[in-house]
C-alpha atoms as a PDB file:
ATOM      1  CA  UNK A   1     -61.628 -71.324  48.432  1.00  0.00           C
ATOM      2  CA  UNK A   2     -58.350 -71.299  48.231  1.00  0.00           C
ATOM      3  CA  UNK A   3     -57.316 -73.109  44.825  1.00  0.00           C
ATOM      4  CA  UNK A   4     -55.155 -75.729  45.604  1.00  0.00           C
ATOM      5  CA  UNK A   5     -51.436 -76.587  43.171  1.00  0.00           C
ATOM      6  CA  UNK A   6     -51.646 -79.856  42.243  1.00  0.00           C
ATOM      7  CA  UNK A   7     -48.050 -81.664  41.534  1.00  0.00           C
ATOM      8  CA  UNK A   8     -47.937 -82.394  37.631  1.00  0.00           C
ATOM      9  CA  UNK A   9     -47.413 -86.330  37.618  1.00  0.00           C
ATOM     10  CA  UNK A  10     -43.635 -86.888  36.134  1.00  0.00           C
ATOM     11  CA  UNK A  11     -43.928 -88.332  33.132  1.00  0.00           C
ATOM     12  CA  UNK A  12     -42.677 -92.260  33.041  1.00  0.00           C
ATOM     13  CA  UNK A  13     -41.315 -94.259  30.105  1.00  0.00           C
ATOM     14  CA  UNK A  14     -43.219 -97.571  29.609  1.00  0.00           C
ATOM     15  CA  UNK A  15     -40.851 -99.409  31.938  1.00  0.00           C
ATOM     16  CA  UNK A  16     -41.895 -97.219  34.457  1.00  0.00           C
ATOM     17  CA  UNK A  17     -38.228 -94.777  34.514  1.00  0.00           C
ATOM     18  CA  UNK A  18     -38.824 -91.160  34.658  1.00  0.00           C
ATOM     19  CA  UNK A  19     -37.989 -89.071  31.449  1.00  0.00           C
ATOM     20  CA  UNK A  20     -35.445 -86.012  31.208  1.00  0.00           C
ATOM     21  CA  UNK A  21     -36.556 -83.021  30.479  1.00  0.00           C
ATOM     22  CA  UNK A  22     -36.011 -82.372  26.418  1.00  0.00           C
ATOM     23  CA  UNK A  23     -32.979 -81.024  25.476  1.00  0.00           C
ATOM     24  CA  UNK A  24     -33.280 -78.611  22.349  1.00  0.00           C
ATOM     25  CA  UNK A  25     -30.590 -79.386  19.610  1.00  0.00           C
ATOM     26  CA  UNK A  26     -28.429 -77.020  17.832  1.00  0.00           C
ATOM     27  CA  UNK A  27     -29.218 -77.062  14.092  1.00  0.00           C
ATOM     28  CA  UNK A  28     -26.249 -76.229  11.235  1.00  0.00           C
ATOM     29  CA  UNK A  29     -28.418 -73.053  10.508  1.00  0.00           C
ATOM     30  CA  UNK A  30     -28.501 -71.761  13.911  1.00  0.00           C
ATOM     31  CA  UNK A  31     -24.807 -72.285  14.580  1.00  0.00           C
ATOM     32  CA  UNK A  32     -23.669 -70.742  11.251  1.00  0.00           C
ATOM     33  CA  UNK A  33     -25.957 -67.638  12.287  1.00  0.00           C
ATOM     34  CA  UNK A  34     -23.659 -67.703  15.914  1.00  0.00           C
ATOM     35  CA  UNK A  35     -20.545 -67.820  14.059  1.00  0.00           C
ATOM     36  CA  UNK A  36     -21.434 -64.999  11.735  1.00  0.00           C
ATOM     37  CA  UNK A  37     -22.269 -63.073  14.714  1.00  0.00           C
ATOM     38  CA  UNK A  38     -18.961 -63.976  16.140  1.00  0.00           C
ATOM     39  CA  UNK A  39     -17.124 -63.173  13.200  1.00  0.00           C
ATOM     40  CA  UNK A  40     -19.285 -59.593  12.663  1.00  0.00           C
ATOM     41  CA  UNK A  41     -18.366 -58.788  16.155  1.00  0.00           C
ATOM     42  CA  UNK A  42     -14.880 -59.468  15.639  1.00  0.00           C
ATOM     43  CA  UNK A  43     -15.052 -57.388  11.707  1.00  0.00           C
ATOM     44  CA  UNK A  44     -16.315 -54.470  13.830  1.00  0.00           C
ATOM     45  CA  UNK A  45     -13.769 -54.130  16.829  1.00  0.00           C
ATOM     46  CA  UNK A  46     -11.019 -54.218  13.893  1.00  0.00           C
ATOM     47  CA  UNK A  47     -12.064 -52.090  11.895  1.00  0.00           C
ATOM     48  CA  UNK A  48     -12.293 -49.467  14.945  1.00  0.00           C
ATOM     49  CA  UNK A  49      -8.557 -50.289  16.049  1.00  0.00           C
ATOM     50  CA  UNK A  50      -7.647 -49.568  11.641  1.00  0.00           C
ATOM     51  CA  UNK A  51      -9.897 -46.171  12.546  1.00  0.00           C
ATOM     52  CA  UNK A  52      -8.573 -45.201  16.084  1.00  0.00           C
ATOM     53  CA  UNK A  53      -4.612 -45.585  14.323  1.00  0.00           C
ATOM     54  CA  UNK A  54      -5.606 -43.450  11.045  1.00  0.00           C
ATOM     55  CA  UNK A  55      -6.399 -41.037  13.308  1.00  0.00           C
ATOM     56  CA  UNK A  56      -3.180 -41.115  15.689  1.00  0.00           C
ATOM     57  CA  UNK A  57      -1.318 -40.864  12.504  1.00  0.00           C
ATOM     58  CA  UNK A  58      -2.681 -38.407  11.116  1.00  0.00           C
ATOM     59  CA  UNK A  59      -2.535 -36.386  13.974  1.00  0.00           C
ATOM     60  CA  UNK A  60       1.329 -37.283  14.117  1.00  0.00           C
ATOM     61  CA  UNK A  61       1.428 -35.694  10.532  1.00  0.00           C
ATOM     62  CA  UNK A  62      -0.507 -32.475  11.411  1.00  0.00           C
ATOM     63  CA  UNK A  63       1.961 -31.956  14.382  1.00  0.00           C
ATOM     64  CA  UNK A  64       5.607 -32.263  11.870  1.00  0.00           C
ATOM     65  CA  UNK A  65       4.115 -30.132   9.440  1.00  0.00           C
ATOM     66  CA  UNK A  66       3.989 -27.412  12.294  1.00  0.00           C
ATOM     67  CA  UNK A  67       7.223 -28.157  13.558  1.00  0.00           C
ATOM     68  CA  UNK A  68       8.092 -27.647  10.077  1.00  0.00           C
ATOM     69  CA  UNK A  69       6.195 -24.775   9.876  1.00  0.00           C
ATOM     70  CA  UNK A  70       7.775 -23.114  13.080  1.00  0.00           C
ATOM     71  CA  UNK A  71      11.472 -24.338  12.236  1.00  0.00           C
ATOM     72  CA  UNK A  72      10.831 -22.735   8.237  1.00  0.00           C
ATOM     73  CA  UNK A  73       9.300 -19.815  10.139  1.00  0.00           C
ATOM     74  CA  UNK A  74      12.944 -19.170  12.440  1.00  0.00           C
ATOM     75  CA  UNK A  75      15.028 -20.069   9.644  1.00  0.00           C
ATOM     76  CA  UNK A  76      14.461 -16.850   6.925  1.00  0.00           C
ATOM     77  CA  UNK A  77      13.698 -14.731  10.030  1.00  0.00           C
ATOM     78  CA  UNK A  78      17.381 -15.472  11.749  1.00  0.00           C
ATOM     79  CA  UNK A  79      20.287 -12.561  10.595  1.00  0.00           C
ATOM     80  CA  UNK A  80      23.028 -13.860   8.494  1.00  0.00           C
ATOM     81  CA  UNK A  81      25.403 -11.256   9.548  1.00  0.00           C
ATOM     82  CA  UNK A  82      26.481  -8.066  11.424  1.00  0.00           C
ATOM     83  CA  UNK A  83      23.939  -6.306   9.730  1.00  0.00           C
ATOM     84  CA  UNK A  84      21.519  -8.341  10.142  1.00  0.00           C
ATOM     85  CA  UNK A  85      20.530  -9.511   7.051  1.00  0.00           C
ATOM     86  CA  UNK A  86      18.249 -12.641   7.191  1.00  0.00           C
ATOM     87  CA  UNK A  87      17.261 -14.987   4.385  1.00  0.00           C
ATOM     88  CA  UNK A  88      14.311 -12.715   3.669  1.00  0.00           C
ATOM     89  CA  UNK A  89      14.160  -9.211   2.424  1.00  0.00           C
ATOM     90  CA  UNK A  90      11.350  -6.893   1.548  1.00  0.00           C
ATOM     91  CA  UNK A  91      11.384  -6.020  -2.425  1.00  0.00           C
ATOM     92  CA  UNK A  92       8.995  -3.634  -4.468  1.00  0.00           C
ATOM     93  CA  UNK A  93       5.566  -4.609  -5.664  1.00  0.00           C
ATOM     94  CA  UNK A  94       5.197  -6.195  -2.193  1.00  0.00           C
ATOM     95  CA  UNK A  95       7.047  -9.670  -3.256  1.00  0.00           C
ATOM     96  CA  UNK A  96       9.997 -11.563  -1.361  1.00  0.00           C
ATOM     97  CA  UNK A  97      13.047 -13.153  -2.591  1.00  0.00           C
ATOM     98  CA  UNK A  98      15.690 -14.959  -0.872  1.00  0.00           C
ATOM     99  CA  UNK A  99      18.921 -14.009  -0.942  1.00  0.00           C
ATOM    100  CA  UNK A 100      22.406 -16.333  -1.828  1.00  0.00           C
ATOM    101  CA  UNK A 101      25.428 -16.746  -2.742  1.00  0.00           C
ATOM    102  CA  UNK A 102      26.466 -16.103  -6.279  1.00  0.00           C
ATOM    103  CA  UNK A 103      23.350 -13.995  -6.863  1.00  0.00           C
ATOM    104  CA  UNK A 104      23.007 -11.076  -9.531  1.00  0.00           C
ATOM    105  CA  UNK A 105      21.489  -8.131  -7.986  1.00  0.00           C
ATOM    106  CA  UNK A 106      20.259  -4.956  -9.559  1.00  0.00           C
ATOM    107  CA  UNK A 107      18.048  -2.149  -7.418  1.00  0.00           C
ATOM    108  CA  UNK A 108      16.882   1.182  -9.354  1.00  0.00           C
ATOM    109  CA  UNK A 109      20.449   2.187 -10.092  1.00  0.00           C
ATOM    110  CA  UNK A 110      22.287   0.612 -13.295  1.00  0.00           C
ATOM    111  CA  UNK A 111      24.662  -1.274 -11.757  1.00  0.00           C
ATOM    112  CA  UNK A 112      25.028  -5.031 -11.480  1.00  0.00           C
ATOM    113  CA  UNK A 113      25.936  -7.422  -8.679  1.00  0.00           C
ATOM    114  CA  UNK A 114      27.231 -10.483  -7.600  1.00  0.00           C
ATOM    115  CA  UNK A 115      26.285 -11.022  -3.756  1.00  0.00           C
ATOM    116  CA  UNK A 116      29.436 -13.037  -2.711  1.00  0.00           C
ATOM    117  CA  UNK A 117      30.710 -13.450   1.134  1.00  0.00           C
ATOM    118  CA  UNK A 118      28.064 -11.094   2.324  1.00  0.00           C
ATOM    119  CA  UNK A 119      29.352  -8.950  -0.565  1.00  0.00           C
ATOM    120  CA  UNK A 120      28.657  -6.897  -3.435  1.00  0.00           C
ATOM    121  CA  UNK A 121      30.659  -7.250  -6.559  1.00  0.00           C
ATOM    122  CA  UNK A 122      30.074  -4.902  -9.624  1.00  0.00           C
ATOM    123  CA  UNK A 123      30.199  -5.904 -13.124  1.00  0.00           C
ATOM    124  CA  UNK A 124      33.184  -3.525 -14.280  1.00  0.00           C
ATOM    125  CA  UNK A 125      31.161  -2.974 -17.790  1.00  0.00           C
ATOM    126  CA  UNK A 126      28.078  -4.002 -19.187  1.00  0.00           C
ATOM    127  CA  UNK A 127      30.811  -5.806 -21.761  1.00  0.00           C
ATOM    128  CA  UNK A 128      31.529  -8.128 -18.471  1.00  0.00           C
ATOM    129  CA  UNK A 129      28.123  -8.234 -17.388  1.00  0.00           C
ATOM    130  CA  UNK A 130      27.520  -9.505 -20.918  1.00  0.00           C
ATOM    131  CA  UNK A 131      30.443 -12.196 -21.492  1.00  0.00           C
ATOM    132  CA  UNK A 132      29.629 -13.432 -17.923  1.00  0.00           C
ATOM    133  CA  UNK A 133      25.852 -13.962 -18.398  1.00  0.00           C
ATOM    134  CA  UNK A 134      26.908 -15.643 -21.968  1.00  0.00           C
ATOM    135  CA  UNK A 135      28.875 -18.561 -20.065  1.00  0.00           C
ATOM    136  CA  UNK A 136      26.326 -18.825 -16.796  1.00  0.00           C
ATOM    137  CA  UNK A 137      22.962 -17.602 -17.967  1.00  0.00           C
ATOM    138  CA  UNK A 138      22.645 -14.986 -15.270  1.00  0.00           C
ATOM    139  CA  UNK A 139      18.964 -13.993 -13.368  1.00  0.00           C
ATOM    140  CA  UNK A 140      18.797 -10.379 -12.700  1.00  0.00           C
ATOM    141  CA  UNK A 141      16.648 -10.566  -9.512  1.00  0.00           C
ATOM    142  CA  UNK A 142      15.752  -6.724  -8.802  1.00  0.00           C
ATOM    143  CA  UNK A 143      15.638  -5.052  -5.061  1.00  0.00           C
ATOM    144  CA  UNK A 144      14.942  -2.749  -3.007  1.00  0.00           C
ATOM    145  CA  UNK A 145      17.494  -0.268  -2.544  1.00  0.00           C
ATOM    146  CA  UNK A 146      17.734  -0.453   1.196  1.00  0.00           C
ATOM    147  CA  UNK A 147      18.521  -3.629   0.729  1.00  0.00           C
ATOM    148  CA  UNK A 148      21.720  -3.504  -1.168  1.00  0.00           C
ATOM    149  CA  UNK A 149      22.899  -0.531   1.996  1.00  0.00           C
ATOM    150  CA  UNK A 150      23.360  -3.906   4.512  1.00  0.00           C
ATOM    151  CA  UNK A 151      26.197  -5.786   2.100  1.00  0.00           C
ATOM    152  CA  UNK A 152      29.196  -4.290   2.382  1.00  0.00           C
ATOM    153  CA  UNK A 153      31.370  -3.233  -1.037  1.00  0.00           C
ATOM    154  CA  UNK A 154      33.775  -5.644  -2.897  1.00  0.00           C
ATOM    155  CA  UNK A 155      36.161  -6.477  -5.137  1.00  0.00           C
ATOM    156  CA  UNK A 156      34.779  -5.551  -9.014  1.00  0.00           C
ATOM    157  CA  UNK A 157      34.080  -8.012 -11.329  1.00  0.00           C
ATOM    158  CA  UNK A 158      36.425  -7.936 -14.645  1.00  0.00           C
ATOM    159  CA  UNK A 159      36.909 -10.212 -17.287  1.00  0.00           C
ATOM    160  CA  UNK A 160      40.701 -11.441 -16.932  1.00  0.00           C
ATOM    161  CA  UNK A 161      42.856 -12.535 -19.700  1.00  0.00           C
ATOM    162  CA  UNK A 162      46.098 -13.393 -20.775  1.00  0.00           C
ATOM    163  CA  UNK A 163      48.223 -15.136 -23.795  1.00  0.00           C
ATOM    164  CA  UNK A 164      51.236 -17.810 -23.783  1.00  0.00           C
ATOM    165  CA  UNK A 165      53.632 -15.954 -25.299  1.00  0.00           C
ATOM    166  CA  UNK A 166      53.230 -12.728 -23.273  1.00  0.00           C
ATOM    167  CA  UNK A 167      53.408 -12.909 -19.449  1.00  0.00           C
ATOM    168  CA  UNK A 168      51.349  -9.912 -18.396  1.00  0.00           C
ATOM    169  CA  UNK A 169      47.265 -10.310 -17.205  1.00  0.00           C
ATOM    170  CA  UNK A 170      45.017  -7.642 -18.633  1.00  0.00           C
ATOM    171  CA  UNK A 171      41.164  -7.209 -18.245  1.00  0.00           C
ATOM    172  CA  UNK A 172      38.976  -6.655 -21.188  1.00  0.00           C
ATOM    173  CA  UNK A 173      36.239  -3.536 -21.113  1.00  0.00           C
ATOM    174  CA  UNK A 174      34.529  -2.304 -23.764  1.00  0.00           C
ATOM    175  CA  UNK A 175      36.677  -3.104 -26.909  1.00  0.00           C
ATOM    176  CA  UNK A 176      39.815  -2.149 -24.721  1.00  0.00           C
ATOM    177  CA  UNK A 177      42.678  -4.282 -22.764  1.00  0.00           C
ATOM    178  CA  UNK A 178      44.343  -2.809 -19.405  1.00  0.00           C
ATOM    179  CA  UNK A 179      47.343  -4.490 -17.711  1.00  0.00           C
ATOM    180  CA  UNK A 180      46.451  -5.382 -14.409  1.00  0.00           C
ATOM    181  CA  UNK A 181      48.889  -5.195 -12.023  1.00  0.00           C
ATOM    182  CA  UNK A 182      47.603  -6.790  -8.688  1.00  0.00           C
ATOM    183  CA  UNK A 183      45.930 -10.208 -10.328  1.00  0.00           C
ATOM    184  CA  UNK A 184      42.869 -11.645  -7.391  1.00  0.00           C
ATOM    185  CA  UNK A 185      43.905 -15.066  -5.678  1.00  0.00           C
ATOM    186  CA  UNK A 186      41.932 -17.663  -8.681  1.00  0.00           C
ATOM    187  CA  UNK A 187      39.185 -19.220  -6.808  1.00  0.00           C
ATOM    188  CA  UNK A 188      37.600 -22.447  -7.670  1.00  0.00           C
ATOM    189  CA  UNK A 189      34.110 -22.251  -6.147  1.00  0.00           C
ATOM    190  CA  UNK A 190      33.963 -18.793  -7.695  1.00  0.00           C
ATOM    191  CA  UNK A 191      33.994 -18.205 -11.393  1.00  0.00           C
ATOM    192  CA  UNK A 192      34.703 -14.434 -11.543  1.00  0.00           C
ATOM    193  CA  UNK A 193      38.155 -14.049 -11.173  1.00  0.00           C
ATOM    194  CA  UNK A 194      39.385 -16.868 -13.707  1.00  0.00           C
ATOM    195  CA  UNK A 195      41.501 -15.780 -16.227  1.00  0.00           C
ATOM    196  CA  UNK A 196      40.695 -16.994 -19.093  1.00  0.00           C
ATOM    197  CA  UNK A 197      43.661 -17.948 -22.611  1.00  0.00           C
ATOM    198  CA  UNK A 198      43.511 -15.802 -25.735  1.00  0.00           C
ATOM    199  CA  UNK A 199      45.073 -15.842 -28.548  1.00  0.00           C
ATOM    200  CA  UNK A 200      47.770 -13.734 -28.465  1.00  0.00           C
ATOM    201  CA  UNK A 201      47.237 -11.165 -31.540  1.00  0.00           C
ATOM    202  CA  UNK A 202      44.160 -10.911 -30.408  1.00  0.00           C
ATOM    203  CA  UNK A 203      45.349  -9.119 -27.327  1.00  0.00           C
ATOM    204  CA  UNK A 204      47.933  -6.930 -29.821  1.00  0.00           C
ATOM    205  CA  UNK A 205      44.808  -6.219 -31.829  1.00  0.00           C
ATOM    206  CA  UNK A 206      42.616  -4.230 -29.253  1.00  0.00           C
ATOM    207  CA  UNK A 207      43.894  -1.207 -28.287  1.00  0.00           C
ATOM    208  CA  UNK A 208      44.948   0.412 -24.799  1.00  0.00           C
ATOM    209  CA  UNK A 209      42.462   1.476 -22.333  1.00  0.00           C
ATOM    210  CA  UNK A 210      43.419   4.623 -19.577  1.00  0.00           C
ATOM    211  CA  UNK A 211      45.051   3.653 -16.479  1.00  0.00           C
ATOM    212  CA  UNK A 212      43.252   3.216 -13.463  1.00  0.00           C
ATOM    213  CA  UNK A 213      46.303   3.357 -10.651  1.00  0.00           C
ATOM    214  CA  UNK A 214      43.635   3.330  -7.741  1.00  0.00           C
ATOM    215  CA  UNK A 215      41.970   0.297  -8.652  1.00  0.00           C
ATOM    216  CA  UNK A 216      45.443  -1.423  -9.079  1.00  0.00           C
ATOM    217  CA  UNK A 217      46.104  -1.543 -13.230  1.00  0.00           C
ATOM    218  CA  UNK A 218      48.434   0.405 -14.914  1.00  0.00           C
ATOM    219  CA  UNK A 219      49.046   0.987 -18.667  1.00  0.00           C
ATOM    220  CA  UNK A 220      50.926  -1.395 -20.169  1.00  0.00           C
END
């Protein structure tokens, strides 16, 4: 036998009117739970955005560091003179030294040089070096002999002095004085050719050094 579907009778009120289906009202607890769920979803989205921004920032920082590294490598290898001398040169003991103007250099020999305008200026005597070293606290940098060969030779560095009562200018070396015939032009940016003022009796008491005509100096 086929079963018959019997419609359920519609509920009616006491007055005979149909009763509408019941509607489940949200309780305060369920509303709070829904609000917390929305807040959690918003918080998760905000954290994802912050993480994405942090990753992008890290990527930009790494890119900038790579650019700086490439520029530094190019700078230390670009030749600065016609001899092909760059900023960094190899020196003994597998070390490197940055070459700059005004630097005190010494190779295997006893000579000490000041690098000025891509030229080597040698101190005329140990006394001359000691004088400038006491005033400027020079730091001597050991370098290879072939590095010095990349630079030209400049004028020697001498201690030049004069006194107010005498018209002459002298170079002091090894406790002696030698009159200078050709006086270098004073360079305010370089202390090596400045002429110092001393007492006249100090100059008179110093013995005269042998002449050096090849250096533009004559016997007084």
